Amino acid sequence: MKYSIYLLLIFIVGCSASKDTITARDYSKGIVYVLPGKVEFVLKSKLLDEEANIYFVLEKLNTSDFRIYLDKNSSESSLKTWIDHTNRYVSVDGKLYPLIFDFDRDFANTETAKEFLLDQKAGIYKRTSIYVIREFTYHIDFTEKGDVLYEGI
C-alpha cells in the first residue's frame, strides 16, 4: 500500500510537470530584441504597476524613429494567436515579453502556421487579418539612438 501511494504521487507530479512544459514558452527558439537603455528604463518603471499578460508592439515611424506600445493581453483579444505563437521577445529588466510588429496586422494571417499549411494542402486559401485601434494605448516614441521623444497615451 505504501508503494502505491508513492507511485500515485510520482504520477501526479509527473503529469502536472508535463502540463507546465506544454503551456510554457520555448525561449530557445526565440529572437530577443534589446531596446535602447533609456527606453527600457521608462518601460521598466511603467511595468512596476502591471506585469501580468503584457506584450509589446513595435512600429517604425520613419527611417530613424520608432514607437513601442505596451499592452495587456486578454483571453478575448483578437491578437491572442499572434501573442501566444510569437517567437519574438523584448527584454525589459531581464524578463522577456512577447513582441509583435505593427505590420503583422497588414500581412500576418490569424491562423497558426500549422493550420495555414493544413488549409493549403486541402486547397483552401484564407487571408485573415486583424485591425487594432491603439488610440488609448501607452506608448513611447524614440530614436534609433534611444532618445525618448514622447511617452504616454
Protein backbone atom coordinates (compact mmCIF):
# COMPACT_ATOMS: atom_id res chain seq x y z
CA MET A 1 0.00 0.00 0.00
CA LYS A 2 2.84 2.36 0.88
CA TYR A 3 4.42 1.87 -2.57
CA SER A 4 1.06 2.52 -4.26
CA ILE A 5 0.86 5.93 -2.61
CA TYR A 6 4.41 6.77 -3.75
CA LEU A 7 3.63 5.69 -7.30
CA LEU A 8 0.45 7.76 -7.29
CA LEU A 9 2.34 10.84 -6.07
CA ILE A 10 5.03 10.38 -8.72
CA PHE A 11 2.35 10.04 -11.39
CA ILE A 12 0.53 13.20 -10.23
CA VAL A 13 3.71 15.25 -10.02
CA GLY A 14 4.85 13.95 -13.42
CA CYS A 15 1.55 14.85 -15.07
CA SER A 16 1.48 18.35 -13.60
CA ALA A 17 5.09 18.96 -14.66
CA SER A 18 4.36 17.86 -18.22
CA LYS A 19 1.34 20.17 -18.35
CA ASP A 20 3.54 23.12 -17.36
CA THR A 21 6.05 22.19 -20.03
CA ILE A 22 3.39 22.17 -22.73
CA THR A 23 1.99 25.60 -21.86
CA ALA A 24 5.33 27.29 -21.15
CA ARG A 25 7.03 29.36 -23.83
CA ASP A 26 10.02 27.86 -25.60
CA TYR A 27 12.55 30.70 -25.41
CA SER A 28 15.28 28.55 -27.00
CA LYS A 29 13.93 29.34 -30.46
CA GLY A 30 13.12 32.98 -29.88
CA ILE A 31 14.60 36.25 -31.07
CA VAL A 32 15.26 38.78 -28.31
CA TYR A 33 15.03 42.49 -29.08
CA VAL A 34 17.04 44.80 -26.82
CA LEU A 35 15.75 48.34 -26.61
CA PRO A 36 17.98 51.36 -26.00
CA GLY A 37 18.74 51.86 -22.30
CA LYS A 38 16.59 54.99 -21.83
CA VAL A 39 13.58 53.32 -23.41
CA GLU A 40 14.00 50.18 -21.32
CA PHE A 41 14.30 52.30 -18.16
CA VAL A 42 11.00 54.08 -18.90
CA LEU A 43 9.28 50.76 -19.66
CA LYS A 44 10.71 49.19 -16.51
CA SER A 45 9.17 51.90 -14.34
CA LYS A 46 5.84 51.53 -16.17
CA LEU A 47 5.85 47.73 -15.74
CA LEU A 48 6.07 48.00 -11.95
CA ASP A 49 2.31 48.58 -11.90
CA GLU A 50 1.28 45.86 -14.33
CA GLU A 51 3.32 42.82 -15.26
CA ALA A 52 0.76 40.10 -15.98
CA ASN A 53 -0.13 39.29 -19.60
CA ILE A 54 1.94 42.12 -21.05
CA TYR A 55 3.01 42.20 -24.69
CA PHE A 56 4.61 44.84 -26.89
CA VAL A 57 4.05 46.11 -30.42
CA LEU A 58 6.97 47.71 -32.25
CA GLU A 59 6.33 50.17 -35.05
CA LYS A 60 8.76 52.01 -37.31
CA LEU A 61 7.64 55.63 -37.74
CA ASN A 62 10.32 56.70 -40.23
CA THR A 63 13.94 55.90 -41.03
CA SER A 64 15.23 56.59 -37.52
CA ASP A 65 12.22 56.85 -35.19
CA PHE A 66 10.24 54.06 -33.58
CA ARG A 67 7.19 53.59 -31.38
CA ILE A 68 6.67 50.78 -28.90
CA TYR A 69 3.26 50.06 -27.42
CA LEU A 70 2.83 48.36 -24.07
CA ASP A 71 -0.45 46.47 -23.99
CA LYS A 72 -2.18 43.85 -21.91
CA ASN A 73 -3.26 40.56 -23.47
CA SER A 74 -6.68 39.27 -22.53
CA SER A 75 -8.19 35.90 -23.35
CA GLU A 76 -10.74 37.68 -25.56
CA SER A 77 -8.07 39.54 -27.51
CA SER A 78 -8.19 39.01 -31.26
CA LEU A 79 -4.37 39.19 -31.15
CA LYS A 80 -4.12 36.23 -28.78
CA THR A 81 -3.00 33.79 -31.51
CA TRP A 82 -0.14 36.05 -32.58
CA ILE A 83 0.91 36.76 -29.00
CA ASP A 84 0.76 33.10 -27.97
CA HIS A 85 2.75 31.92 -31.00
CA THR A 86 5.31 34.65 -31.48
CA ASN A 87 8.97 33.78 -31.24
CA ARG A 88 9.99 37.44 -30.83
CA TYR A 89 10.51 38.91 -27.37
CA VAL A 90 11.50 42.25 -25.94
CA SER A 91 13.77 42.26 -22.91
CA VAL A 92 12.82 44.60 -20.07
CA ASP A 93 14.68 44.33 -16.77
CA GLY A 94 15.82 40.78 -17.50
CA LYS A 95 12.33 39.48 -18.35
CA LEU A 96 11.10 38.55 -21.80
CA TYR A 97 7.74 39.76 -23.07
CA PRO A 98 6.03 38.76 -26.35
CA LEU A 99 6.68 41.18 -29.22
CA ILE A 100 4.71 41.64 -32.41
CA PHE A 101 5.26 44.16 -35.19
CA ASP A 102 2.85 46.76 -36.49
CA PHE A 103 2.93 45.23 -39.96
CA ASP A 104 1.68 41.91 -38.57
CA ARG A 105 -1.80 43.42 -38.81
CA ASP A 106 -1.27 44.01 -42.54
CA PHE A 107 0.41 40.78 -43.61
CA ALA A 108 0.16 38.09 -40.93
CA ASN A 109 -2.57 35.51 -41.06
CA THR A 110 -4.61 34.85 -37.92
CA GLU A 111 -4.13 31.09 -38.28
CA THR A 112 -1.13 29.32 -36.84
CA ALA A 113 1.45 28.14 -39.36
CA LYS A 114 0.28 24.56 -38.88
CA GLU A 115 -3.37 25.48 -39.53
CA PHE A 116 -2.38 27.54 -42.56
CA LEU A 117 -0.40 24.66 -44.09
CA LEU A 118 -3.23 22.21 -43.48
CA ASP A 119 -5.64 24.57 -45.26
CA GLN A 120 -3.19 24.93 -48.15
CA LYS A 121 -2.97 21.14 -48.53
CA ALA A 122 -6.77 21.00 -48.59
CA GLY A 123 -6.85 23.63 -51.33
CA ILE A 124 -8.23 26.32 -49.04
CA TYR A 125 -6.67 29.76 -49.20
CA LYS A 126 -7.72 32.14 -46.48
CA ARG A 127 -6.33 35.60 -45.88
CA THR A 128 -7.47 36.75 -42.48
CA SER A 129 -6.13 39.72 -40.61
CA ILE A 130 -6.89 41.87 -37.61
CA TYR A 131 -7.09 45.62 -37.38
CA VAL A 132 -6.28 47.02 -33.95
CA ILE A 133 -7.05 50.53 -32.78
CA ARG A 134 -4.37 51.71 -30.36
CA GLU A 135 -5.74 55.21 -29.77
CA PHE A 136 -5.58 55.00 -25.96
CA THR A 137 -2.63 52.64 -25.53
CA TYR A 138 0.51 53.61 -23.63
CA HIS A 139 3.49 54.03 -25.94
CA ILE A 140 6.96 55.50 -26.23
CA ASP A 141 8.32 57.22 -29.32
CA PHE A 142 12.10 57.06 -29.52
CA THR A 143 15.01 57.49 -31.88
CA GLU A 144 17.34 54.78 -33.07
CA LYS A 145 19.93 56.15 -30.62
CA GLY A 146 17.47 55.81 -27.73
CA ASP A 147 16.37 59.40 -27.19
CA VAL A 148 12.81 59.38 -25.87
CA LEU A 149 10.65 61.72 -27.96
CA TYR A 150 7.30 61.04 -26.33
CA GLU A 151 5.95 58.88 -23.54
CA GLY A 152 2.28 58.45 -22.62
CA ILE A 153 -1.10 57.64 -24.07
